[in-house]
Protein backbone atom coordinates (compact mmCIF):
# COMPACT_ATOMS: atom_id res chain seq x y z
CA MET A 1 -17.60 -56.39 58.55
CA THR A 2 -14.55 -58.52 59.19
CA PHE A 3 -12.91 -61.02 56.90
CA ASP A 4 -14.31 -63.84 59.06
CA VAL A 5 -17.84 -62.71 58.28
CA VAL A 6 -17.08 -62.86 54.55
CA ILE A 7 -15.80 -66.41 54.97
CA LEU A 8 -18.99 -67.35 56.84
CA LEU A 9 -21.21 -65.78 54.19
CA GLN A 10 -19.68 -67.69 51.26
CA PRO A 11 -21.49 -71.00 51.96
CA LEU A 12 -24.80 -69.17 52.34
CA VAL A 13 -24.27 -67.30 49.08
CA ALA A 14 -23.31 -70.56 47.34
CA LEU A 15 -26.48 -72.24 48.62
CA LEU A 16 -28.69 -69.35 47.52
CA VAL A 17 -27.07 -69.22 44.07
CA GLY A 18 -27.45 -72.98 43.68
CA ILE A 19 -31.15 -72.81 44.46
CA LEU A 20 -31.66 -69.88 42.08
CA ILE A 21 -29.84 -71.74 39.29
CA LEU A 22 -32.13 -74.74 39.77
CA ILE A 23 -35.21 -72.52 39.59
CA LEU A 24 -34.03 -70.14 36.85
CA PRO A 25 -31.18 -71.69 34.82
CA ARG A 26 -30.81 -68.59 32.61
CA LEU A 27 -29.55 -66.66 35.64
CA LEU A 28 -26.42 -68.82 35.71
CA ASN A 29 -24.29 -66.40 33.69
CA VAL A 30 -25.33 -63.35 35.69
CA LEU A 31 -24.94 -65.02 39.08
CA VAL A 32 -21.54 -66.50 38.28
CA ALA A 33 -20.30 -63.19 36.92
CA ALA A 34 -21.53 -61.28 39.99
CA TYR A 35 -19.94 -63.81 42.33
CA LEU A 36 -16.61 -63.71 40.52
CA ILE A 37 -16.58 -59.91 40.53
CA PHE A 38 -17.35 -59.86 44.26
CA VAL A 39 -14.66 -62.42 45.12
CA GLY A 40 -12.17 -60.63 42.88
CA LEU A 41 -12.80 -57.29 44.55
CA ILE A 42 -12.43 -58.84 48.00
CA GLY A 43 -9.13 -60.39 46.89
CA LEU A 44 -7.79 -57.13 45.46
CA PHE A 45 -9.04 -54.89 48.25
CA PRO A 46 -9.27 -56.98 51.44
CA ASN A 47 -10.02 -53.92 53.61
CA ILE A 48 -12.94 -52.73 51.48
CA LEU A 49 -15.55 -54.25 53.84
CA THR A 50 -14.07 -52.96 57.09
C-alpha cells in the first residue's frame, strides 16, 4: 500500500466515522482515538504500510 492510497482512504474513513457518530454518538471517543492513533503511527513510521 503506497502513501497515495492512504491519502485517498482518509476521506472515506472520515465519511464512515461521521455516519457512525450520527448513528451512535457514544462511539465518538473510541473512533476519534483510533483515528488519531492510526494517523500518528503513519506519521511516525511512513513506511509501515509498504
